[in-house]
Amino acid sequence: MNISVFCGASLPHSEQITEAARQLGHSIARGGHTLLYLWTDSSCSWQYYPRHGYEQVGFGRVPEYSTADEEYTYRLFRKNITQ
């Protein structure tokens, strides 16, 4: 099964959103799934994820959203949620 969750985030981080994401991860793990993948775009604070146990497994540029002044990029992360 593939599960995709999209959630916007900005500073300051909402404790309610953080807790909801934590509960969702636990539910996914209880369902027998062991890896959680997520992506973030260039406008997000992607540095958060490596500091919280996520491994970066992808990086790319999205030409359709890039401009002459700024490249629109994404990063793909994964985390073993059974840890």
N, C-alpha and C. Protein backbone atom coordinates (compact mmCIF):
# COMPACT_ATOMS: atom_id res chain seq x y z
N MET A 1 0.84 -1.17 0.00
CA MET A 1 0.00 0.00 0.00
C MET A 1 0.89 1.23 0.00
N ASN A 2 0.55 2.21 -0.80
CA ASN A 2 1.24 3.49 -0.81
C ASN A 2 0.36 4.53 -0.12
N ILE A 3 0.96 5.27 0.78
CA ILE A 3 0.24 6.30 1.52
C ILE A 3 0.96 7.61 1.28
N SER A 4 0.22 8.61 0.89
CA SER A 4 0.80 9.92 0.68
C SER A 4 0.05 10.92 1.54
N VAL A 5 0.80 11.69 2.29
CA VAL A 5 0.21 12.71 3.15
C VAL A 5 0.85 14.03 2.79
N PHE A 6 0.03 15.03 2.51
CA PHE A 6 0.55 16.35 2.23
C PHE A 6 0.08 17.28 3.33
N CYS A 7 1.01 17.97 3.91
CA CYS A 7 0.68 18.86 5.01
C CYS A 7 1.56 20.09 4.90
N GLY A 8 0.99 21.25 4.88
CA GLY A 8 1.79 22.46 4.87
C GLY A 8 2.33 22.74 6.26
N ALA A 9 3.48 23.34 6.30
CA ALA A 9 4.07 23.67 7.60
C ALA A 9 4.82 24.98 7.47
N SER A 10 4.81 25.73 8.53
CA SER A 10 5.59 26.96 8.57
C SER A 10 5.91 27.25 10.03
N LEU A 11 6.81 28.16 10.22
CA LEU A 11 7.16 28.53 11.59
C LEU A 11 6.17 29.57 12.09
N PRO A 12 5.74 29.56 13.31
CA PRO A 12 6.07 28.52 14.28
C PRO A 12 5.29 27.24 14.00
N HIS A 13 5.89 26.10 14.35
CA HIS A 13 5.24 24.82 14.11
C HIS A 13 4.07 24.65 15.07
N SER A 14 2.97 24.18 14.55
CA SER A 14 1.79 23.93 15.36
C SER A 14 1.95 22.62 16.11
N GLU A 15 1.80 22.67 17.40
CA GLU A 15 1.88 21.45 18.21
C GLU A 15 0.77 20.47 17.82
N GLN A 16 -0.37 20.98 17.43
CA GLN A 16 -1.48 20.11 17.03
C GLN A 16 -1.15 19.36 15.75
N ILE A 17 -0.54 20.04 14.79
CA ILE A 17 -0.16 19.37 13.55
C ILE A 17 0.93 18.35 13.82
N THR A 18 1.91 18.71 14.65
CA THR A 18 2.98 17.78 14.99
C THR A 18 2.42 16.53 15.65
N GLU A 19 1.53 16.68 16.59
CA GLU A 19 0.94 15.54 17.28
C GLU A 19 0.10 14.70 16.33
N ALA A 20 -0.67 15.33 15.45
CA ALA A 20 -1.46 14.57 14.48
C ALA A 20 -0.56 13.76 13.56
N ALA A 21 0.56 14.33 13.13
CA ALA A 21 1.50 13.60 12.28
C ALA A 21 2.11 12.42 13.03
N ARG A 22 2.44 12.62 14.30
CA ARG A 22 3.00 11.55 15.12
C ARG A 22 2.00 10.40 15.26
N GLN A 23 0.74 10.73 15.51
CA GLN A 23 -0.29 9.70 15.64
C GLN A 23 -0.51 8.97 14.33
N LEU A 24 -0.46 9.69 13.22
CA LEU A 24 -0.61 9.06 11.92
C LEU A 24 0.53 8.08 11.68
N GLY A 25 1.75 8.46 12.00
CA GLY A 25 2.90 7.56 11.85
C GLY A 25 2.74 6.30 12.67
N HIS A 26 2.25 6.43 13.90
CA HIS A 26 2.02 5.25 14.75
C HIS A 26 0.94 4.35 14.15
N SER A 27 -0.10 4.94 13.60
CA SER A 27 -1.16 4.15 12.97
C SER A 27 -0.64 3.39 11.75
N ILE A 28 0.20 4.05 10.97
CA ILE A 28 0.80 3.39 9.80
C ILE A 28 1.66 2.21 10.25
N ALA A 29 2.44 2.42 11.31
CA ALA A 29 3.29 1.34 11.82
C ALA A 29 2.46 0.18 12.36
N ARG A 30 1.37 0.48 13.07
CA ARG A 30 0.51 -0.59 13.60
C ARG A 30 -0.11 -1.40 12.46
N GLY A 31 -0.25 -0.78 11.30
CA GLY A 31 -0.78 -1.47 10.13
C GLY A 31 0.24 -2.37 9.45
N GLY A 32 1.44 -2.43 9.98
CA GLY A 32 2.46 -3.32 9.45
C GLY A 32 3.42 -2.66 8.48
N HIS A 33 3.31 -1.38 8.28
CA HIS A 33 4.22 -0.67 7.37
C HIS A 33 5.42 -0.16 8.16
N THR A 34 6.58 -0.19 7.55
CA THR A 34 7.79 0.13 8.31
C THR A 34 8.53 1.38 7.84
N LEU A 35 8.21 1.88 6.67
CA LEU A 35 8.90 3.08 6.19
C LEU A 35 7.91 4.19 5.92
N LEU A 36 8.28 5.38 6.27
CA LEU A 36 7.47 6.55 6.02
C LEU A 36 8.26 7.46 5.08
N TYR A 37 7.68 7.81 3.96
CA TYR A 37 8.32 8.70 2.99
C TYR A 37 7.59 10.04 3.00
N LEU A 38 8.33 11.12 2.83
CA LEU A 38 7.71 12.43 2.70
C LEU A 38 8.58 13.29 1.81
N TRP A 39 7.98 14.32 1.28
CA TRP A 39 8.74 15.26 0.46
C TRP A 39 8.47 16.65 0.97
N THR A 40 9.39 17.52 0.66
CA THR A 40 9.23 18.92 0.99
C THR A 40 9.77 19.75 -0.17
N ASP A 41 9.22 20.91 -0.36
CA ASP A 41 9.70 21.74 -1.46
C ASP A 41 10.68 22.78 -0.94
N SER A 42 11.16 23.59 -1.86
CA SER A 42 12.21 24.55 -1.53
C SER A 42 11.76 25.64 -0.57
N SER A 43 10.46 25.79 -0.38
CA SER A 43 9.99 26.83 0.52
C SER A 43 9.89 26.37 1.97
N CYS A 44 10.09 25.08 2.22
CA CYS A 44 9.95 24.54 3.58
C CYS A 44 11.30 24.44 4.28
N SER A 45 11.26 24.32 5.57
CA SER A 45 12.47 24.15 6.38
C SER A 45 12.88 22.68 6.37
N TRP A 46 13.45 22.24 5.26
CA TRP A 46 13.77 20.82 5.09
C TRP A 46 14.86 20.36 6.06
N GLN A 47 15.62 21.27 6.65
CA GLN A 47 16.69 20.88 7.57
C GLN A 47 16.15 20.17 8.81
N TYR A 48 14.87 20.36 9.09
CA TYR A 48 14.23 19.72 10.24
C TYR A 48 14.33 18.20 10.15
N TYR A 49 14.13 17.65 8.96
CA TYR A 49 13.97 16.21 8.81
C TYR A 49 15.23 15.40 9.12
N PRO A 50 16.41 15.73 8.60
CA PRO A 50 17.60 14.96 8.96
C PRO A 50 17.89 14.99 10.46
N ARG A 51 17.56 16.10 11.12
CA ARG A 51 17.79 16.21 12.56
C ARG A 51 16.82 15.36 13.37
N HIS A 52 15.76 14.85 12.72
CA HIS A 52 14.75 14.06 13.42
C HIS A 52 14.63 12.64 12.87
N GLY A 53 15.75 12.12 12.39
CA GLY A 53 15.80 10.71 12.03
C GLY A 53 15.42 10.35 10.61
N TYR A 54 15.18 11.32 9.75
CA TYR A 54 14.85 11.05 8.36
C TYR A 54 16.11 11.03 7.52
N GLU A 55 16.14 10.15 6.54
CA GLU A 55 17.25 10.06 5.60
C GLU A 55 16.81 10.66 4.27
N GLN A 56 17.62 11.56 3.73
CA GLN A 56 17.29 12.12 2.42
C GLN A 56 17.62 11.09 1.36
N VAL A 57 16.63 10.76 0.52
CA VAL A 57 16.81 9.74 -0.51
C VAL A 57 16.57 10.28 -1.92
N GLY A 58 16.26 11.56 -2.02
CA GLY A 58 16.05 12.14 -3.34
C GLY A 58 16.10 13.65 -3.32
N PHE A 59 16.41 14.20 -4.46
CA PHE A 59 16.48 15.65 -4.63
C PHE A 59 16.24 15.94 -6.10
N GLY A 60 15.50 16.98 -6.39
CA GLY A 60 15.29 17.30 -7.79
C GLY A 60 14.80 18.72 -7.99
N ARG A 61 14.79 19.10 -9.23
CA ARG A 61 14.33 20.43 -9.65
C ARG A 61 13.04 20.25 -10.42
N VAL A 62 12.09 21.14 -10.21
CA VAL A 62 10.82 21.09 -10.92
C VAL A 62 10.81 22.27 -11.89
N PRO A 63 11.13 22.03 -13.16
CA PRO A 63 11.24 23.14 -14.11
C PRO A 63 9.93 23.91 -14.30
N GLU A 64 8.81 23.22 -14.19
CA GLU A 64 7.51 23.89 -14.40
C GLU A 64 7.24 24.99 -13.38
N TYR A 65 7.84 24.88 -12.20
CA TYR A 65 7.61 25.88 -11.15
C TYR A 65 8.82 26.78 -10.92
N SER A 66 9.91 26.52 -11.60
CA SER A 66 11.11 27.33 -11.45
C SER A 66 10.98 28.60 -12.28
N THR A 67 11.68 29.63 -11.84
CA THR A 67 11.71 30.89 -12.58
C THR A 67 13.17 31.22 -12.88
N ALA A 68 13.37 32.29 -13.63
CA ALA A 68 14.73 32.73 -13.92
C ALA A 68 15.46 33.16 -12.66
N ASP A 69 14.70 33.61 -11.66
CA ASP A 69 15.30 34.09 -10.40
C ASP A 69 15.46 33.01 -9.34
N GLU A 70 14.65 31.98 -9.41
CA GLU A 70 14.66 30.98 -8.33
C GLU A 70 14.28 29.59 -8.86
N GLU A 71 15.09 28.61 -8.47
CA GLU A 71 14.77 27.23 -8.81
C GLU A 71 13.82 26.66 -7.77
N TYR A 72 12.82 25.95 -8.23
CA TYR A 72 11.89 25.26 -7.34
C TYR A 72 12.40 23.83 -7.23
N THR A 73 12.78 23.44 -6.04
CA THR A 73 13.34 22.11 -5.83
C THR A 73 12.53 21.35 -4.79
N TYR A 74 12.73 20.05 -4.77
CA TYR A 74 12.10 19.20 -3.75
C TYR A 74 13.15 18.27 -3.17
N ARG A 75 12.86 17.75 -2.00
CA ARG A 75 13.69 16.74 -1.35
C ARG A 75 12.76 15.63 -0.88
N LEU A 76 13.22 14.41 -1.02
CA LEU A 76 12.45 13.25 -0.60
C LEU A 76 13.18 12.61 0.57
N PHE A 77 12.43 12.34 1.64
CA PHE A 77 13.00 11.75 2.85
C PHE A 77 12.26 10.47 3.20
N ARG A 78 12.95 9.60 3.94
CA ARG A 78 12.28 8.40 4.47
C ARG A 78 12.77 8.17 5.90
N LYS A 79 11.92 7.47 6.64
CA LYS A 79 12.24 7.16 8.04
C LYS A 79 11.64 5.81 8.36
N ASN A 80 12.42 4.98 9.05
CA ASN A 80 11.90 3.71 9.54
C ASN A 80 11.07 4.02 10.78
N ILE A 81 9.76 3.81 10.69
CA ILE A 81 8.89 4.21 11.79
C ILE A 81 8.70 3.13 12.84
N THR A 82 9.46 2.03 12.72
CA THR A 82 9.39 1.02 13.77
C THR A 82 10.44 1.25 14.83
N GLN A 83 11.31 2.23 14.61
CA GLN A 83 12.36 2.51 15.58
C GLN A 83 11.82 3.22 16.79
